[in-house]
Amino acid sequence: MSNNFWSKVNKTESCWEWTGGQNGNGYGLFKIPLTRKNMTAHRMSYTLANGEIPEGQWVLHKCDNRVCVNPSHLFLGDAAANVADMDAKGRRKCSPLKHEQNGRAVLDSDKVKVLRLLHNKFSLSALSKIFGIGKSQVHRIVTNQQWA
């Protein structure tokens, strides 16, 4: 089984990238030959290198590369550690990180200041197009519901 697994890995200087199929979230998928069940490739790599994954543990990436299966880039953590890791890297869709600390932020504080200066001169639709955000987001910013 391990030969079949490693034959689908492209080893670069840093990450070892899975070249087989992926799930909808971009993680590699490996079909276990005897059971025909799928397992994420990074979990399979961890298992091959370190043995069984304890109940309730997640396999996390140090490198933040979903297709990486380099065992030295993988570590165990529970669900809370996974969320903390996502927050630290600014990847959580509903991140508690505010403003430009959030890796998904479109605006920075300077753009927010300009948007607020312009909100009496332009419509929400116009500001939405200028700044590349939704009209409801513009409204929340100019009414200090967000970016307070």
Protein backbone atom coordinates (compact mmCIF):
# COMPACT_ATOMS: atom_id res chain seq x y z
CA MET A 1 0.00 0.00 0.00
CA SER A 2 2.76 2.49 0.85
CA ASN A 3 4.41 2.08 -2.59
CA ASN A 4 1.08 2.87 -4.24
CA PHE A 5 0.68 5.94 -2.01
CA TRP A 6 4.19 7.39 -2.46
CA SER A 7 4.03 6.89 -6.25
CA LYS A 8 1.46 9.74 -6.29
CA VAL A 9 3.75 12.20 -4.48
CA ASN A 10 5.96 14.83 -6.11
CA LYS A 11 8.79 15.60 -3.67
CA THR A 12 10.00 19.19 -3.95
CA GLU A 13 12.71 20.80 -1.79
CA SER A 14 10.08 21.73 0.78
CA CYS A 15 6.63 20.23 0.34
CA TRP A 16 5.85 16.76 -0.91
CA GLU A 17 2.79 17.42 -3.05
CA TRP A 18 0.02 14.91 -3.64
CA THR A 19 -0.63 14.46 -7.39
CA GLY A 20 -3.65 12.17 -7.10
CA GLY A 21 -7.29 13.17 -6.73
CA GLN A 22 -8.52 15.86 -4.37
CA ASN A 23 -11.69 16.48 -2.41
CA GLY A 24 -13.81 19.62 -2.76
CA ASN A 25 -11.70 21.45 -0.17
CA GLY A 26 -8.43 20.89 -2.04
CA TYR A 27 -7.04 18.12 0.19
CA GLY A 28 -5.54 15.07 -1.50
CA LEU A 29 -7.57 11.85 -1.45
CA PHE A 30 -6.14 8.34 -1.33
CA LYS A 31 -8.28 5.26 -1.92
CA ILE A 32 -7.21 2.50 0.48
CA PRO A 33 -6.85 -0.59 -1.77
CA LEU A 34 -8.38 -3.29 0.42
CA THR A 35 -11.32 -1.33 1.80
CA ARG A 36 -11.82 0.93 -1.24
CA LYS A 37 -12.50 3.76 1.25
CA ASN A 38 -11.03 7.24 0.83
CA MET A 39 -8.71 8.84 3.33
CA THR A 40 -7.20 12.29 3.01
CA ALA A 41 -3.65 11.99 1.73
CA HIS A 42 -2.08 14.00 4.56
CA ARG A 43 -3.72 11.71 7.15
CA MET A 44 -2.48 8.66 5.26
CA SER A 45 1.03 10.12 5.14
CA TYR A 46 0.97 10.80 8.86
CA THR A 47 -0.26 7.25 9.51
CA LEU A 48 2.42 5.67 7.32
CA ALA A 49 5.15 7.70 9.04
CA ASN A 50 3.93 7.66 12.65
CA GLY A 51 1.30 4.97 13.11
CA GLU A 52 -2.38 5.27 13.94
CA ILE A 53 -3.90 8.69 14.58
CA PRO A 54 -5.43 8.85 18.08
CA GLU A 55 -9.21 9.31 18.34
CA GLY A 56 -10.27 12.96 18.16
CA GLN A 57 -6.98 14.15 16.70
CA TRP A 58 -6.62 16.11 13.48
CA VAL A 59 -3.57 16.16 11.21
CA LEU A 60 -2.54 19.79 10.67
CA HIS A 61 -0.08 21.35 8.21
CA LYS A 62 2.85 23.49 9.36
CA CYS A 63 3.30 24.62 5.75
CA ASP A 64 -0.40 25.46 5.18
CA ASN A 65 -0.30 23.59 1.84
CA ARG A 66 -3.36 21.33 1.60
CA VAL A 67 -1.75 18.91 -0.87
CA CYS A 68 1.47 18.56 1.13
CA VAL A 69 2.06 15.08 2.54
CA ASN A 70 5.61 15.63 3.84
CA PRO A 71 5.48 13.93 7.27
CA SER A 72 7.83 16.56 8.73
CA HIS A 73 5.21 19.23 7.83
CA LEU A 74 2.38 17.42 9.64
CA PHE A 75 1.45 17.51 13.30
CA LEU A 76 -1.44 16.40 15.49
CA GLY A 77 -3.94 18.65 17.20
CA ASP A 78 -7.55 18.59 18.30
CA ALA A 79 -10.38 20.62 16.76
CA ALA A 80 -9.54 23.65 18.93
CA ALA A 81 -5.89 23.53 17.80
CA ASN A 82 -7.08 23.38 14.18
CA VAL A 83 -9.21 26.52 14.66
CA ALA A 84 -6.36 28.30 16.46
CA ASP A 85 -4.01 27.36 13.60
CA MET A 86 -6.48 28.71 11.00
CA ASP A 87 -6.91 31.94 12.98
CA ALA A 88 -3.16 32.42 13.35
CA LYS A 89 -2.78 32.05 9.58
CA GLY A 90 -5.87 34.16 8.74
CA ARG A 91 -7.61 31.32 6.88
CA ARG A 92 -10.88 30.92 8.77
CA LYS A 93 -13.85 32.18 6.74
CA CYS A 94 -15.46 33.59 9.87
CA SER A 95 -12.21 34.76 11.38
CA PRO A 96 -12.35 36.66 14.67
CA LEU A 97 -9.33 38.62 13.48
CA LYS A 98 -10.34 42.18 12.74
CA HIS A 99 -9.54 44.54 9.93
CA GLU A 100 -6.34 43.95 7.99
CA GLN A 101 -5.25 41.26 10.47
CA ASN A 102 -7.87 39.05 8.82
CA GLY A 103 -6.18 37.41 5.83
CA ARG A 104 -9.44 37.65 3.85
CA ALA A 105 -9.82 41.43 4.31
CA VAL A 106 -10.32 43.37 1.07
CA LEU A 107 -9.80 46.80 2.63
CA ASP A 108 -7.16 48.25 4.89
CA SER A 109 -7.71 51.08 7.37
CA ASP A 110 -6.59 53.76 4.87
CA LYS A 111 -9.18 52.61 2.32
CA VAL A 112 -11.85 52.56 5.02
CA LYS A 113 -11.04 56.19 5.89
CA VAL A 114 -11.37 57.20 2.23
CA LEU A 115 -14.62 55.24 1.89
CA ARG A 116 -16.07 57.07 4.89
CA LEU A 117 -15.00 60.44 3.48
CA LEU A 118 -16.71 59.65 0.17
CA HIS A 119 -19.93 58.14 1.51
CA ASN A 120 -21.87 61.45 1.33
CA LYS A 121 -20.73 62.08 -2.26
CA PHE A 122 -21.43 58.66 -3.82
CA SER A 123 -24.16 56.03 -3.63
CA LEU A 124 -23.65 52.70 -1.88
CA SER A 125 -23.64 51.04 -5.33
CA ALA A 126 -20.91 53.35 -6.61
CA LEU A 127 -18.77 52.87 -3.50
CA SER A 128 -19.33 49.13 -3.75
CA LYS A 129 -17.91 49.11 -7.29
CA ILE A 130 -15.04 51.48 -6.46
CA PHE A 131 -13.86 49.44 -3.46
CA GLY A 132 -14.78 45.96 -4.71
CA ILE A 133 -17.07 45.08 -1.81
CA GLY A 134 -20.82 44.54 -1.45
CA LYS A 135 -23.29 47.36 -0.84
CA SER A 136 -24.27 45.92 2.55
CA GLN A 137 -20.59 45.89 3.56
CA VAL A 138 -20.27 49.56 2.54
CA HIS A 139 -23.33 50.36 4.66
CA ARG A 140 -21.92 48.51 7.70
CA ILE A 141 -18.63 50.41 7.37
CA VAL A 142 -20.12 53.91 6.97
CA THR A 143 -22.54 53.32 9.88
CA ASN A 144 -19.67 52.07 12.10
CA GLN A 145 -21.16 48.59 12.46
CA GLN A 146 -17.84 47.25 11.15
CA TRP A 147 -14.35 48.72 11.16
CA ALA A 148 -15.33 50.65 14.29
